[in-house]
Protein backbone atom coordinates (compact mmCIF):
# COMPACT_ATOMS: atom_id res chain seq x y z
CA MET A 1 5.72 -8.55 18.33
CA GLU A 2 8.01 -10.24 15.65
CA ASP A 3 9.19 -8.22 13.03
CA LEU A 4 8.63 -9.78 9.41
CA ASP A 5 11.00 -9.85 7.12
CA TRP A 6 10.68 -7.82 3.94
CA SER A 7 10.13 -10.80 1.68
CA ASP A 8 7.88 -13.00 4.12
CA TRP A 9 5.22 -12.61 1.20
CA ALA A 10 3.11 -15.90 2.67
CA VAL A 11 3.26 -14.39 5.91
CA ILE A 12 2.05 -11.21 4.96
CA ASN A 13 -0.95 -12.57 2.65
CA SER A 14 -1.80 -14.94 5.01
CA CYS A 15 -2.70 -12.01 7.48
CA LEU A 16 -4.80 -9.66 5.00
CA PRO A 17 -7.90 -11.70 4.56
CA TYR A 18 -9.12 -9.82 1.62
CA LYS A 19 -10.42 -12.36 -0.51
CA ARG A 20 -14.24 -13.36 -1.12
CA THR A 21 -14.62 -16.48 0.61
CA MET A 22 -16.60 -17.14 3.69
CA GLU A 23 -13.59 -18.51 5.85
CA GLN A 24 -11.99 -14.79 5.04
CA TYR A 25 -15.25 -12.66 5.85
CA GLN A 26 -14.90 -14.22 9.10
CA MET A 27 -11.57 -13.41 9.82
CA ARG A 28 -11.94 -10.03 8.25
CA LYS A 29 -15.08 -9.71 10.71
CA LYS A 30 -12.98 -11.03 13.70
CA MET A 31 -10.23 -8.01 12.79
CA TRP A 32 -12.82 -5.37 12.23
CA GLY A 33 -13.51 -5.94 15.90
CA ALA A 34 -10.59 -5.46 17.34
CA ILE A 35 -9.84 -2.61 15.63
CA ASP A 36 -13.26 -0.84 15.82
CA VAL A 37 -12.99 -0.78 20.07
CA ASN A 38 -15.62 1.74 20.10
CA GLY A 39 -18.45 -0.21 18.10
CA ASN A 40 -19.16 2.64 16.47
CA GLU A 41 -19.20 0.91 13.18
CA TYR A 42 -16.31 2.93 11.68
CA ALA A 43 -12.59 3.40 12.27
CA SER A 44 -10.39 6.98 12.00
CA LEU A 45 -6.83 6.71 10.01
CA SER A 46 -5.52 6.13 13.82
CA GLU A 47 -7.59 3.51 14.59
CA ILE A 48 -6.87 1.84 11.38
CA THR A 49 -3.22 2.17 11.60
CA LYS A 50 -2.79 1.21 15.55
CA GLY A 51 -5.31 -2.25 14.55
CA VAL A 52 -2.59 -2.94 11.47
CA ARG A 53 0.29 -2.93 14.52
CA ASP A 54 -1.73 -4.42 17.26
CA VAL A 55 -4.59 -6.59 15.00
CA LEU A 56 -2.53 -7.68 12.06
CA ASN A 57 0.30 -7.76 13.94
CA LEU A 58 2.57 -6.58 11.09
CA GLY A 59 5.69 -4.98 12.05
CA ASP A 60 6.91 -4.06 8.75
CA ILE A 61 3.27 -2.48 7.23
CA PHE A 62 3.18 -0.73 10.16
CA ASP A 63 6.59 0.82 9.48
CA CYS A 64 5.46 1.87 6.11
CA ARG A 65 2.90 4.74 7.00
CA PRO A 66 3.07 6.04 4.20
CA ALA A 67 1.04 2.75 2.36
CA ILE A 68 -1.35 2.70 5.25
CA ASN A 69 -1.95 6.33 4.60
CA ARG A 70 -2.44 5.68 1.03
CA ALA A 71 -4.28 2.37 1.48
CA TYR A 72 -6.82 3.95 4.00
CA HIS A 73 -7.49 6.86 1.55
CA TYR A 74 -7.81 5.17 -1.62
CA ALA A 75 -10.53 2.34 0.06
CA ARG A 76 -12.61 5.37 1.11
CA SER A 77 -12.54 7.02 -2.32
CA VAL A 78 -13.06 4.09 -4.40
CA THR A 79 -16.39 2.78 -3.04
CA LYS A 80 -19.52 4.26 -4.33
CA ALA A 81 -21.92 3.26 -1.57
CA LYS A 82 -23.36 5.81 0.44
CA LYS A 83 -21.57 6.03 3.89
CA LYS A 84 -23.37 5.82 7.00
CA HIS A 85 -21.21 7.84 9.07
CA ASP A 86 -18.93 10.92 7.82
CA ASP A 87 -16.72 10.19 4.80
CA ASP A 88 -13.47 10.72 6.91
CA TYR A 89 -13.83 7.18 8.72
CA LEU A 90 -13.79 3.76 6.95
CA GLU A 91 -16.49 1.04 7.32
CA PHE A 92 -16.64 -2.63 7.89
CA ARG A 93 -17.68 -2.60 3.90
CA GLU A 94 -14.55 -0.92 3.05
CA PHE A 95 -12.26 -2.86 5.15
CA ARG A 96 -11.76 -5.97 2.53
CA PHE A 97 -10.47 -3.31 -0.19
CA PHE A 98 -8.82 -1.67 2.11
CA LEU A 99 -6.92 -4.87 3.49
CA GLN A 100 -6.51 -5.74 -0.54
CA ALA A 101 -5.10 -2.16 -1.13
CA LEU A 102 -2.55 -2.40 1.71
CA ARG A 103 -1.03 -5.38 0.41
CA GLN A 104 -0.45 -3.78 -2.87
CA PHE A 105 0.48 -0.27 -1.38
CA PHE A 106 2.73 -2.03 0.78
CA GLU A 107 4.43 -3.78 -2.77
CA TYR A 108 4.57 -0.29 -4.12
CA TYR A 109 6.40 1.00 -0.95
CA GLN A 110 9.02 -1.80 -1.26
CA ALA A 111 9.55 -0.68 -4.61
CA PHE A 112 9.79 3.00 -3.72
CA SER A 113 12.08 2.17 -0.78
CA ARG A 114 14.61 0.11 -3.28
CA ILE A 115 14.65 3.01 -5.66
CA ASP A 116 15.22 5.40 -2.68
CA SER A 117 18.29 5.30 -1.89
CA GLY A 118 18.50 8.57 0.40
CA GLN A 119 15.92 6.69 2.61
CA ASP A 120 14.34 10.42 2.57
CA GLY A 121 10.86 9.78 1.59
CA ARG A 122 11.37 10.87 -1.84
CA ILE A 123 12.76 10.02 -5.26
CA SER A 124 15.37 12.26 -6.96
CA LYS A 125 15.75 12.31 -10.66
CA GLU A 126 19.36 10.82 -10.07
CA GLU A 127 18.31 7.83 -8.43
CA PHE A 128 15.85 7.48 -10.44
CA LEU A 129 17.89 7.61 -13.42
CA SER A 130 20.49 5.15 -12.27
CA ASP A 131 21.20 2.22 -14.61
CA ASN A 132 21.01 -0.10 -11.31
CA ILE A 133 17.85 1.46 -10.99
CA LYS A 134 16.99 1.42 -14.54
CA GLN A 135 16.87 -2.39 -14.80
CA SER A 136 14.89 -2.98 -11.68
CA ILE A 137 12.09 -0.81 -12.74
CA GLU A 138 11.91 -2.62 -16.00
CA THR A 139 11.60 -5.49 -14.60
CA TRP A 140 8.19 -4.12 -12.51
CA VAL A 141 6.92 -2.08 -15.52
CA GLY A 142 7.88 -3.46 -18.41
CA PRO A 143 10.30 -1.48 -20.83
CA ILE A 144 10.65 2.44 -20.53
CA ASP A 145 12.21 4.09 -23.50
CA ASP A 146 12.71 7.66 -22.35
CA MET A 147 13.65 7.52 -18.39
CA GLU A 148 13.85 11.06 -17.72
CA ALA A 149 10.39 11.89 -19.43
CA GLU A 150 9.10 9.01 -17.22
CA PHE A 151 10.38 10.76 -14.23
CA ALA A 152 8.37 13.96 -15.46
CA LYS A 153 5.32 11.91 -16.30
CA ILE A 154 5.51 10.57 -12.41
CA ASP A 155 6.40 14.09 -10.78
CA THR A 156 2.77 15.49 -11.28
CA ASN A 157 3.56 18.18 -9.10
CA LYS A 158 6.76 19.31 -11.21
CA GLY A 159 8.76 19.45 -7.11
CA GLY A 160 11.77 18.03 -8.74
CA GLN A 161 10.95 14.69 -6.63
CA ILE A 162 9.24 11.76 -6.72
CA LEU A 163 6.92 11.02 -3.67
CA PHE A 164 5.05 8.00 -2.65
CA SER A 165 1.54 9.49 -3.88
CA GLU A 166 2.79 10.12 -6.99
CA PHE A 167 4.71 6.67 -7.58
CA VAL A 168 1.24 5.00 -6.08
CA ASP A 169 -0.70 6.66 -8.82
CA TRP A 170 1.95 5.36 -11.24
CA ALA A 171 2.51 2.69 -9.88
CA LEU A 172 -1.29 1.71 -10.45
CA GLU A 173 -1.12 2.53 -14.10
CA LYS A 174 1.58 0.70 -14.72
CA ASN A 175 0.11 -2.18 -12.77
CA LEU A 176 4.05 -2.82 -11.09
CA ASP A 177 4.57 -6.09 -9.82
CA ILE A 178 7.96 -6.74 -7.86
CA GLU A 179 9.59 -10.00 -8.94
CA ASP A 180 10.02 -11.09 -5.25
CA ASP A 181 6.53 -11.09 -4.02
CA ILE A 182 4.14 -13.73 -3.95
CA ASP A 183 1.14 -12.87 -5.83
CA GLU A 184 -2.31 -14.43 -4.72
CA ASP A 185 -4.62 -15.53 -6.83
């Protein structure tokens, strides 16, 4: 499997067919068939994670399991239709939204990783408040008057560190957009 460059957004976008076109629907159907190997019409987080690696062939995204996990749970939580199966599983009708969320959360994971200079899976107050990070964050979300107050706002569990799940909630609220990705229509 060829690992993707973090900045190879054209390839990443082409591997995540979430648009509402017949062509992308057919691509999703084919992918879903390869992920749902049991043919039971639903997939667990483990099956989806394996599918991101083996079916979508996105090495970098597979290495970003927090993004996969969050996209999986997010897709399940925002779809309102009655489920045929246990709520712990993703169904095909949620798969398009999962792919779209995965694309977005992969972008958030990149932003998170750029701030997390210690590469320990959390952002310390020192990392967030560093001068060179402020400029990047403001490029992504717009001006922030008080970085210390913003840190406290993001750190919802008051643990003194920003976790990826907290970062995603904030990024969604702020409509975070890193500057070097290729946004689709």
